[in-house]
Amino acid sequence: MKTAIVTDSTAYIPEQIREKYDIHMIPLSVNFGNETYQEEVEITSEQFFEKMRGQQQLPTTSQPPVGKFVELFETLSKEYDAVISIHLSSGISGTYNGAATAGDMVENIEVYAYDSEISCMVQGFYALEAADMAREGANPKDILARMDEMKKTINAYFMVDDLSNLQKGGRLSGAQALIGSLLQVKPILHFEDKVIVPFEKVRTRKKALNRVFELLDEVASQNEKMRVVVIHANRPEEAEKMQQELSAKYPNIECMISYFGPVIGTHLGEGAVGIGWYKK
């Protein structure tokens, strides 16, 4: 049985890696007024943050139309027997539901929509693992079972540098944002029950990053093999330094760098940094 792996652009898997693993990507979009850009296709992360600096209002974001999924699945049906379509958390986007709806509309191919319950490269971990298994001929049920197993140890924490985007985007109440900015609070956020919630509020950026390192250390110090990703919103030098520190400290981890692209970056804002991981 030949299985195709699909994910959406918010996994932020670089194009060369998608091509290497034969992962198909469907883009979400950011809208600046009347201008719409498909992320990872028509606008890069760097271009997005540059454009954001001149905006008074936050851009809006939109999920792929169901028709785009139908089109992709029908194309894949000519070559594959099944599709596993892995998407950002259904608690923050309707993308997963769109994939599931499209799956019911196509014939000649079995579609399994999968809710990662998270986003960014941590969502990408599912796609990479699934693609590896698909290449080795694993059937969809075994791939889905492995992803459910991964979900038990997958985790991510991220620090937001500026609370205003979360507030404007309706992801944080005005009072919380005001208190945070007055006290120089850098909230550490994570996904819980499919939505983004505050984990802890920490004073200063340095202390917040140290706290995220501590949270990783609780798992990495057990010396089990892990995959780790440092994710940044237009802070490549800082991310590289963090990757080097983590790789030197933990010989048991495979550490990579990724980024918050336009759709997720709209809500988190420039300067956000996160770490995600799972046990291999």
C-alpha atoms as a PDB file:
ATOM      1  CA  MET A   1       0.000   0.000   0.000  1.00  0.00           C
ATOM      2  CA  LYS A   2       1.424   3.372  -1.027  1.00  0.00           C
ATOM      3  CA  THR A   3       0.751   6.191   1.451  1.00  0.00           C
ATOM      4  CA  ALA A   4       1.240   9.925   0.791  1.00  0.00           C
ATOM      5  CA  ILE A   5       2.078  12.314   3.623  1.00  0.00           C
ATOM      6  CA  VAL A   6       0.535  15.792   3.602  1.00  0.00           C
ATOM      7  CA  THR A   7       0.971  18.610   6.094  1.00  0.00           C
ATOM      8  CA  ASP A   8       0.221  22.316   6.078  1.00  0.00           C
ATOM      9  CA  SER A   9       2.593  25.264   5.886  1.00  0.00           C
ATOM     10  CA  THR A  10       2.543  25.904   9.659  1.00  0.00           C
ATOM     11  CA  ALA A  11       4.818  22.879  10.146  1.00  0.00           C
ATOM     12  CA  TYR A  12       7.486  25.155   8.588  1.00  0.00           C
ATOM     13  CA  ILE A  13       9.410  22.256   7.075  1.00  0.00           C
ATOM     14  CA  PRO A  14      11.923  23.769   4.617  1.00  0.00           C
ATOM     15  CA  GLU A  15      11.237  22.982   0.962  1.00  0.00           C
ATOM     16  CA  GLN A  16      14.397  20.915   0.484  1.00  0.00           C
ATOM     17  CA  ILE A  17      13.463  18.680   3.428  1.00  0.00           C
ATOM     18  CA  ARG A  18       9.879  18.308   2.146  1.00  0.00           C
ATOM     19  CA  GLU A  19      11.280  17.228  -1.209  1.00  0.00           C
ATOM     20  CA  LYS A  20      13.731  14.810   0.382  1.00  0.00           C
ATOM     21  CA  TYR A  21      10.986  13.130   2.427  1.00  0.00           C
ATOM     22  CA  ASP A  22       8.314  13.452  -0.288  1.00  0.00           C
ATOM     23  CA  ILE A  23       6.015  15.474   1.989  1.00  0.00           C
ATOM     24  CA  HIS A  24       3.216  17.405   0.284  1.00  0.00           C
ATOM     25  CA  MET A  25       2.372  20.840   1.726  1.00  0.00           C
ATOM     26  CA  ILE A  26      -0.813  22.875   1.605  1.00  0.00           C
ATOM     27  CA  PRO A  27      -0.422  26.562   2.542  1.00  0.00           C
ATOM     28  CA  LEU A  28      -2.333  28.786   4.938  1.00  0.00           C
ATOM     29  CA  SER A  29      -2.464  32.502   4.140  1.00  0.00           C
ATOM     30  CA  VAL A  30      -1.855  35.884   5.733  1.00  0.00           C
ATOM     31  CA  ASN A  31      -3.923  38.867   4.669  1.00  0.00           C
ATOM     32  CA  PHE A  32      -2.662  42.464   4.790  1.00  0.00           C
ATOM     33  CA  GLY A  33      -5.814  44.421   3.953  1.00  0.00           C
ATOM     34  CA  ASN A  34      -6.732  43.361   0.405  1.00  0.00           C
ATOM     35  CA  GLU A  35      -3.399  41.610  -0.186  1.00  0.00           C
ATOM     36  CA  THR A  36      -3.309  37.868   0.455  1.00  0.00           C
ATOM     37  CA  TYR A  37      -0.103  35.828   0.576  1.00  0.00           C
ATOM     38  CA  GLN A  38       0.240  32.054   0.845  1.00  0.00           C
ATOM     39  CA  GLU A  39       2.955  31.485   3.419  1.00  0.00           C
ATOM     40  CA  GLU A  40       5.971  29.422   2.349  1.00  0.00           C
ATOM     41  CA  VAL A  41       4.866  30.001  -1.271  1.00  0.00           C
ATOM     42  CA  GLU A  42       4.377  33.748  -1.817  1.00  0.00           C
ATOM     43  CA  ILE A  43       5.959  35.194   1.318  1.00  0.00           C
ATOM     44  CA  THR A  44       8.901  34.093   3.450  1.00  0.00           C
ATOM     45  CA  SER A  45       9.234  34.510   7.191  1.00  0.00           C
ATOM     46  CA  GLU A  46      11.835  37.282   6.746  1.00  0.00           C
ATOM     47  CA  GLN A  47       9.662  39.168   4.238  1.00  0.00           C
ATOM     48  CA  PHE A  48       6.687  38.847   6.567  1.00  0.00           C
ATOM     49  CA  PHE A  49       8.398  40.359   9.622  1.00  0.00           C
ATOM     50  CA  GLU A  50       9.817  43.157   7.449  1.00  0.00           C
ATOM     51  CA  LYS A  51       6.299  43.918   6.174  1.00  0.00           C
ATOM     52  CA  MET A  52       4.833  43.737   9.700  1.00  0.00           C
ATOM     53  CA  ARG A  53       7.029  46.611  10.894  1.00  0.00           C
ATOM     54  CA  GLY A  54       5.149  49.078   8.729  1.00  0.00           C
ATOM     55  CA  GLN A  55       1.658  47.942   9.769  1.00  0.00           C
ATOM     56  CA  GLN A  56      -0.647  49.647  12.246  1.00  0.00           C
ATOM     57  CA  GLN A  57      -3.028  46.687  12.290  1.00  0.00           C
ATOM     58  CA  LEU A  58      -2.276  42.993  12.582  1.00  0.00           C
ATOM     59  CA  PRO A  59      -2.753  40.981   9.406  1.00  0.00           C
ATOM     60  CA  THR A  60      -5.414  38.283   9.528  1.00  0.00           C
ATOM     61  CA  THR A  61      -4.791  34.624   8.802  1.00  0.00           C
ATOM     62  CA  SER A  62      -6.884  32.128   6.866  1.00  0.00           C
ATOM     63  CA  GLN A  63      -6.975  28.366   6.483  1.00  0.00           C
ATOM     64  CA  PRO A  64      -6.815  26.627   3.085  1.00  0.00           C
ATOM     65  CA  PRO A  65     -10.148  26.319   1.247  1.00  0.00           C
ATOM     66  CA  VAL A  66     -11.591  22.787   1.330  1.00  0.00           C
ATOM     67  CA  GLY A  67     -11.379  22.791  -2.491  1.00  0.00           C
ATOM     68  CA  LYS A  68      -7.562  23.025  -2.290  1.00  0.00           C
ATOM     69  CA  PHE A  69      -7.503  19.846  -0.199  1.00  0.00           C
ATOM     70  CA  VAL A  70      -9.872  18.085  -2.602  1.00  0.00           C
ATOM     71  CA  GLU A  71      -7.661  19.080  -5.530  1.00  0.00           C
ATOM     72  CA  LEU A  72      -4.505  17.809  -3.821  1.00  0.00           C
ATOM     73  CA  PHE A  73      -6.072  14.538  -2.660  1.00  0.00           C
ATOM     74  CA  GLU A  74      -7.472  13.836  -6.138  1.00  0.00           C
ATOM     75  CA  THR A  75      -4.034  14.428  -7.680  1.00  0.00           C
ATOM     76  CA  LEU A  76      -2.448  12.091  -5.109  1.00  0.00           C
ATOM     77  CA  SER A  77      -5.067   9.405  -5.817  1.00  0.00           C
ATOM     78  CA  LYS A  78      -3.429   8.811  -9.212  1.00  0.00           C
ATOM     79  CA  GLU A  79      -0.272   7.574  -7.515  1.00  0.00           C
ATOM     80  CA  TYR A  80      -1.194   6.632  -3.936  1.00  0.00           C
ATOM     81  CA  ASP A  81      -3.675   4.382  -2.144  1.00  0.00           C
ATOM     82  CA  ALA A  82      -3.927   6.478   1.032  1.00  0.00           C
ATOM     83  CA  VAL A  83      -3.114   9.911   2.459  1.00  0.00           C
ATOM     84  CA  ILE A  84      -2.221  10.865   6.013  1.00  0.00           C
ATOM     85  CA  SER A  85      -2.866  14.605   6.318  1.00  0.00           C
ATOM     86  CA  ILE A  86      -1.243  16.104   9.446  1.00  0.00           C
ATOM     87  CA  HIS A  87      -2.319  19.549  10.609  1.00  0.00           C
ATOM     88  CA  LEU A  88      -1.956  22.245  13.229  1.00  0.00           C
ATOM     89  CA  SER A  89      -4.112  22.000  16.315  1.00  0.00           C
ATOM     90  CA  SER A  90      -7.851  22.034  15.672  1.00  0.00           C
ATOM     91  CA  GLY A  91      -8.127  24.258  18.762  1.00  0.00           C
ATOM     92  CA  ILE A  92      -6.541  27.221  16.928  1.00  0.00           C
ATOM     93  CA  SER A  93      -7.473  26.583  13.279  1.00  0.00           C
ATOM     94  CA  GLY A  94     -10.097  24.875  11.139  1.00  0.00           C
ATOM     95  CA  THR A  95      -7.406  23.411   8.830  1.00  0.00           C
ATOM     96  CA  TYR A  96      -7.674  19.885  10.261  1.00  0.00           C
ATOM     97  CA  ASN A  97     -11.469  19.945   9.857  1.00  0.00           C
ATOM     98  CA  GLY A  98     -11.017  21.148   6.273  1.00  0.00           C
ATOM     99  CA  ALA A  99      -8.769  18.173   5.513  1.00  0.00           C
ATOM    100  CA  ALA A 100     -11.246  15.767   7.127  1.00  0.00           C
ATOM    101  CA  THR A 101     -14.155  17.243   5.127  1.00  0.00           C
ATOM    102  CA  ALA A 102     -12.186  17.020   1.876  1.00  0.00           C
ATOM    103  CA  GLY A 103     -11.272  13.428   2.680  1.00  0.00           C
ATOM    104  CA  ASP A 104     -14.954  12.519   2.729  1.00  0.00           C
ATOM    105  CA  MET A 105     -15.440  14.172  -0.661  1.00  0.00           C
ATOM    106  CA  VAL A 106     -12.784  12.305  -2.668  1.00  0.00           C
ATOM    107  CA  GLU A 107     -12.966   8.805  -4.059  1.00  0.00           C
ATOM    108  CA  ASN A 108     -10.263   6.303  -5.043  1.00  0.00           C
ATOM    109  CA  ILE A 109      -8.063   7.215  -2.060  1.00  0.00           C
ATOM    110  CA  GLU A 110      -8.363   6.704   1.681  1.00  0.00           C
ATOM    111  CA  VAL A 111      -7.730   9.940   3.609  1.00  0.00           C
ATOM    112  CA  TYR A 112      -6.724   9.979   7.283  1.00  0.00           C
ATOM    113  CA  ALA A 113      -6.756  13.525   8.713  1.00  0.00           C
ATOM    114  CA  TYR A 114      -4.588  13.828  11.829  1.00  0.00           C
ATOM    115  CA  ASP A 115      -4.826  16.565  14.475  1.00  0.00           C
ATOM    116  CA  SER A 116      -1.297  17.227  15.742  1.00  0.00           C
ATOM    117  CA  GLU A 117      -2.807  19.275  18.624  1.00  0.00           C
ATOM    118  CA  ILE A 118       0.234  21.552  18.282  1.00  0.00           C
ATOM    119  CA  SER A 119       1.975  23.537  15.509  1.00  0.00           C
ATOM    120  CA  CYS A 120       5.277  24.623  13.914  1.00  0.00           C
ATOM    121  CA  MET A 121       8.161  22.181  13.543  1.00  0.00           C
ATOM    122  CA  VAL A 122       6.820  20.098  16.414  1.00  0.00           C
ATOM    123  CA  GLN A 123       3.887  19.372  14.095  1.00  0.00           C
ATOM    124  CA  GLY A 124       6.563  18.799  11.446  1.00  0.00           C
ATOM    125  CA  PHE A 125       8.084  16.015  13.562  1.00  0.00           C
ATOM    126  CA  TYR A 126       4.929  13.968  12.969  1.00  0.00           C
ATOM    127  CA  ALA A 127       5.189  14.513   9.207  1.00  0.00           C
ATOM    128  CA  LEU A 128       8.891  13.548   9.097  1.00  0.00           C
ATOM    129  CA  GLU A 129       8.337  10.393  11.131  1.00  0.00           C
ATOM    130  CA  ALA A 130       5.269   9.454   9.084  1.00  0.00           C
ATOM    131  CA  ALA A 131       7.174  10.044   5.829  1.00  0.00           C
ATOM    132  CA  ASP A 132      10.009   7.788   7.001  1.00  0.00           C
ATOM    133  CA  MET A 133       7.567   4.996   7.779  1.00  0.00           C
ATOM    134  CA  ALA A 134       5.629   5.483   4.524  1.00  0.00           C
ATOM    135  CA  ARG A 135       8.840   5.133   2.517  1.00  0.00           C
ATOM    136  CA  GLU A 136       9.517   1.846   4.259  1.00  0.00           C
ATOM    137  CA  GLY A 137       6.068   0.615   3.242  1.00  0.00           C
ATOM    138  CA  ALA A 138       4.283   0.915   6.600  1.00  0.00           C
ATOM    139  CA  ASN A 139       0.487   0.904   6.365  1.00  0.00           C
ATOM    140  CA  PRO A 140      -1.585   3.927   7.501  1.00  0.00           C
ATOM    141  CA  LYS A 141      -2.805   2.235  10.701  1.00  0.00           C
ATOM    142  CA  ASP A 142       0.789   1.611  11.863  1.00  0.00           C
ATOM    143  CA  ILE A 143       1.823   5.177  11.013  1.00  0.00           C
ATOM    144  CA  LEU A 144      -1.155   6.616  12.920  1.00  0.00           C
ATOM    145  CA  ALA A 145      -0.359   4.358  15.904  1.00  0.00           C
ATOM    146  CA  ARG A 146       3.250   5.619  15.913  1.00  0.00           C
ATOM    147  CA  MET A 147       2.069   9.248  15.837  1.00  0.00           C
ATOM    148  CA  ASP A 148      -0.258   8.567  18.767  1.00  0.00           C
ATOM    149  CA  GLU A 149       2.773   7.121  20.586  1.00  0.00           C
ATOM    150  CA  MET A 150       4.817  10.258  19.791  1.00  0.00           C
ATOM    151  CA  LYS A 151       2.017  12.424  21.179  1.00  0.00           C
ATOM    152  CA  LYS A 152       2.724  11.046  24.675  1.00  0.00           C
ATOM    153  CA  THR A 153       6.179  12.690  24.812  1.00  0.00           C
ATOM    154  CA  ILE A 154       5.792  15.616  22.391  1.00  0.00           C
ATOM    155  CA  ASN A 155       5.974  18.990  24.067  1.00  0.00           C
ATOM    156  CA  ALA A 156       6.799  22.615  23.298  1.00  0.00           C
ATOM    157  CA  TYR A 157       7.180  25.818  25.292  1.00  0.00           C
ATOM    158  CA  PHE A 158       7.600  29.244  23.798  1.00  0.00           C
ATOM    159  CA  MET A 159       8.342  32.686  25.117  1.00  0.00           C
ATOM    160  CA  VAL A 160       6.617  35.731  23.631  1.00  0.00           C
ATOM    161  CA  ASP A 161       8.699  38.897  23.524  1.00  0.00           C
ATOM    162  CA  ASP A 162       5.827  41.324  22.946  1.00  0.00           C
ATOM    163  CA  LEU A 163       2.307  40.681  24.236  1.00  0.00           C
ATOM    164  CA  SER A 164       0.566  43.150  21.905  1.00  0.00           C
ATOM    165  CA  ASN A 165       0.076  40.703  19.013  1.00  0.00           C
ATOM    166  CA  LEU A 166      -1.567  38.113  21.244  1.00  0.00           C
ATOM    167  CA  GLN A 167      -3.827  40.803  22.618  1.00  0.00           C
ATOM    168  CA  LYS A 168      -4.776  42.278  19.214  1.00  0.00           C
ATOM    169  CA  GLY A 169      -5.350  38.815  17.780  1.00  0.00           C
ATOM    170  CA  GLY A 170      -7.777  37.954  20.568  1.00  0.00           C
ATOM    171  CA  ARG A 171      -5.457  35.296  22.026  1.00  0.00           C
ATOM    172  CA  LEU A 172      -4.926  37.210  25.278  1.00  0.00           C
ATOM    173  CA  SER A 173      -7.213  39.557  27.210  1.00  0.00           C
ATOM    174  CA  GLY A 174      -6.406  43.297  27.342  1.00  0.00           C
ATOM    175  CA  ALA A 175      -5.891  43.257  31.100  1.00  0.00           C
ATOM    176  CA  GLN A 176      -3.376  40.430  30.905  1.00  0.00           C
ATOM    177  CA  ALA A 177      -1.448  42.188  28.144  1.00  0.00           C
ATOM    178  CA  LEU A 178      -1.375  45.486  30.061  1.00  0.00           C
ATOM    179  CA  ILE A 179      -0.155  43.877  33.280  1.00  0.00           C
ATOM    180  CA  GLY A 180       2.442  41.932  31.317  1.00  0.00           C
ATOM    181  CA  SER A 181       3.880  44.983  29.570  1.00  0.00           C
ATOM    182  CA  LEU A 182       3.982  47.044  32.780  1.00  0.00           C
ATOM    183  CA  LEU A 183       5.872  44.359  34.666  1.00  0.00           C
ATOM    184  CA  GLN A 184       8.112  43.338  31.753  1.00  0.00           C
ATOM    185  CA  VAL A 185       6.597  39.878  31.992  1.00  0.00           C
ATOM    186  CA  LYS A 186       7.632  37.379  29.330  1.00  0.00           C
ATOM    187  CA  PRO A 187       4.934  34.716  29.348  1.00  0.00           C
ATOM    188  CA  ILE A 188       5.881  31.115  28.663  1.00  0.00           C
ATOM    189  CA  LEU A 189       3.086  29.532  26.661  1.00  0.00           C
ATOM    190  CA  HIS A 190       2.291  25.972  25.658  1.00  0.00           C
ATOM    191  CA  PHE A 191      -0.469  23.895  24.105  1.00  0.00           C
ATOM    192  CA  GLU A 192      -2.954  22.315  26.468  1.00  0.00           C
ATOM    193  CA  ASP A 193      -6.128  20.574  25.271  1.00  0.00           C
ATOM    194  CA  LYS A 194      -5.391  21.837  21.734  1.00  0.00           C
ATOM    195  CA  VAL A 195      -5.241  25.550  22.606  1.00  0.00           C
ATOM    196  CA  ILE A 196      -2.436  27.968  23.538  1.00  0.00           C
ATOM    197  CA  VAL A 197      -2.453  28.797  27.244  1.00  0.00           C
ATOM    198  CA  PRO A 198      -0.035  30.520  29.626  1.00  0.00           C
ATOM    199  CA  PHE A 199       2.263  28.063  31.409  1.00  0.00           C
ATOM    200  CA  GLU A 200       4.140  30.540  33.586  1.00  0.00           C
ATOM    201  CA  LYS A 201       4.788  34.275  33.707  1.00  0.00           C
ATOM    202  CA  VAL A 202       8.455  35.109  34.133  1.00  0.00           C
ATOM    203  CA  ARG A 203      10.126  38.513  34.559  1.00  0.00           C
ATOM    204  CA  THR A 204      12.706  39.300  31.825  1.00  0.00           C
ATOM    205  CA  ARG A 205      13.577  37.512  28.603  1.00  0.00           C
ATOM    206  CA  LYS A 206      16.704  35.880  30.013  1.00  0.00           C
ATOM    207  CA  LYS A 207      14.852  34.294  32.957  1.00  0.00           C
ATOM    208  CA  ALA A 208      12.058  33.088  30.666  1.00  0.00           C
ATOM    209  CA  LEU A 209      14.532  31.377  28.316  1.00  0.00           C
ATOM    210  CA  ASN A 210      16.348  29.805  31.256  1.00  0.00           C
ATOM    211  CA  ARG A 211      13.014  28.431  32.475  1.00  0.00           C
ATOM    212  CA  VAL A 212      12.337  26.866  29.057  1.00  0.00           C
ATOM    213  CA  PHE A 213      15.827  25.287  29.201  1.00  0.00           C
ATOM    214  CA  GLU A 214      14.944  23.872  32.643  1.00  0.00           C
ATOM    215  CA  LEU A 215      11.761  22.311  31.273  1.00  0.00           C
ATOM    216  CA  LEU A 216      13.738  20.616  28.504  1.00  0.00           C
ATOM    217  CA  ASP A 217      16.405  19.495  30.986  1.00  0.00           C
ATOM    218  CA  GLU A 218      13.796  17.588  33.014  1.00  0.00           C
ATOM    219  CA  VAL A 219      13.386  15.279  30.017  1.00  0.00           C
ATOM    220  CA  ALA A 220      16.762  15.473  28.233  1.00  0.00           C
ATOM    221  CA  SER A 221      18.724  14.630  31.390  1.00  0.00           C
ATOM    222  CA  GLN A 222      17.114  11.157  31.365  1.00  0.00           C
ATOM    223  CA  ASN A 223      19.562  10.369  28.525  1.00  0.00           C
ATOM    224  CA  GLU A 224      16.972   8.878  26.189  1.00  0.00           C
ATOM    225  CA  LYS A 225      17.296   9.630  22.484  1.00  0.00           C
ATOM    226  CA  MET A 226      15.311  12.751  21.592  1.00  0.00           C
ATOM    227  CA  ARG A 227      14.580  15.043  18.713  1.00  0.00           C
ATOM    228  CA  VAL A 228      14.650  18.722  19.709  1.00  0.00           C
ATOM    229  CA  VAL A 229      13.923  21.896  17.767  1.00  0.00           C
ATOM    230  CA  VAL A 230      14.712  25.519  18.582  1.00  0.00           C
ATOM    231  CA  ILE A 231      12.086  27.766  16.958  1.00  0.00           C
ATOM    232  CA  HIS A 232      12.529  31.517  16.486  1.00  0.00           C
ATOM    233  CA  ALA A 233      10.642  34.513  15.107  1.00  0.00           C
ATOM    234  CA  ASN A 234      13.348  36.306  13.122  1.00  0.00           C
ATOM    235  CA  ARG A 235      16.116  35.676  15.680  1.00  0.00           C
ATOM    236  CA  PRO A 236      18.443  33.281  13.756  1.00  0.00           C
ATOM    237  CA  GLU A 237      21.652  34.117  15.659  1.00  0.00           C
ATOM    238  CA  GLU A 238      19.989  33.552  19.026  1.00  0.00           C
ATOM    239  CA  ALA A 239      18.512  30.245  17.813  1.00  0.00           C
ATOM    240  CA  GLU A 240      21.904  29.089  16.537  1.00  0.00           C
ATOM    241  CA  LYS A 241      23.528  29.844  19.881  1.00  0.00           C
ATOM    242  CA  MET A 242      20.793  27.902  21.697  1.00  0.00           C
ATOM    243  CA  GLN A 243      21.202  24.940  19.326  1.00  0.00           C
ATOM    244  CA  GLN A 244      24.969  24.853  19.926  1.00  0.00           C
ATOM    245  CA  GLU A 245      24.510  24.987  23.706  1.00  0.00           C
ATOM    246  CA  LEU A 246      21.924  22.213  23.717  1.00  0.00           C
ATOM    247  CA  SER A 247      23.887  19.942  21.351  1.00  0.00           C
ATOM    248  CA  ALA A 248      27.025  20.346  23.501  1.00  0.00           C
ATOM    249  CA  LYS A 249      25.164  19.649  26.746  1.00  0.00           C
ATOM    250  CA  TYR A 250      23.053  16.672  25.628  1.00  0.00           C
ATOM    251  CA  PRO A 251      24.788  14.048  23.448  1.00  0.00           C
ATOM    252  CA  ASN A 252      21.502  12.103  23.385  1.00  0.00           C
ATOM    253  CA  ILE A 253      19.580  14.741  21.423  1.00  0.00           C
ATOM    254  CA  GLU A 254      19.365  15.561  17.736  1.00  0.00           C
ATOM    255  CA  CYS A 255      18.786  19.322  17.687  1.00  0.00           C
ATOM    256  CA  MET A 256      17.605  21.376  14.718  1.00  0.00           C
ATOM    257  CA  ILE A 257      16.543  24.979  14.106  1.00  0.00           C
ATOM    258  CA  SER A 258      13.189  26.099  12.711  1.00  0.00           C
ATOM    259  CA  TYR A 259      11.136  29.291  12.695  1.00  0.00           C
ATOM    260  CA  PHE A 260       7.751  30.831  13.385  1.00  0.00           C
ATOM    261  CA  GLY A 261       6.487  31.704   9.908  1.00  0.00           C
ATOM    262  CA  PRO A 262       3.863  34.296   8.901  1.00  0.00           C
ATOM    263  CA  VAL A 263       0.664  32.624  10.183  1.00  0.00           C
ATOM    264  CA  ILE A 264       1.978  31.715  13.641  1.00  0.00           C
ATOM    265  CA  GLY A 265       4.237  34.797  13.697  1.00  0.00           C
ATOM    266  CA  THR A 266       1.136  36.995  13.288  1.00  0.00           C
ATOM    267  CA  HIS A 267       0.012  35.932  16.752  1.00  0.00           C
ATOM    268  CA  LEU A 268       3.339  35.531  18.558  1.00  0.00           C
ATOM    269  CA  GLY A 269       5.148  38.528  17.077  1.00  0.00           C
ATOM    270  CA  GLU A 270       8.806  39.070  16.250  1.00  0.00           C
ATOM    271  CA  GLY A 271      11.307  37.930  18.865  1.00  0.00           C
ATOM    272  CA  ALA A 272       9.359  34.895  20.098  1.00  0.00           C
ATOM    273  CA  VAL A 273      11.513  31.831  20.812  1.00  0.00           C
ATOM    274  CA  GLY A 274      10.495  28.272  21.608  1.00  0.00           C
ATOM    275  CA  ILE A 275      11.798  24.758  22.139  1.00  0.00           C
ATOM    276  CA  GLY A 276       9.928  21.587  21.199  1.00  0.00           C
ATOM    277  CA  TRP A 277      10.828  17.907  21.540  1.00  0.00           C
ATOM    278  CA  TYR A 278       9.817  14.262  21.641  1.00  0.00           C
ATOM    279  CA  LYS A 279      11.445  10.975  22.585  1.00  0.00           C
ATOM    280  CA  LYS A 280      12.524   8.975  19.552  1.00  0.00           C
END
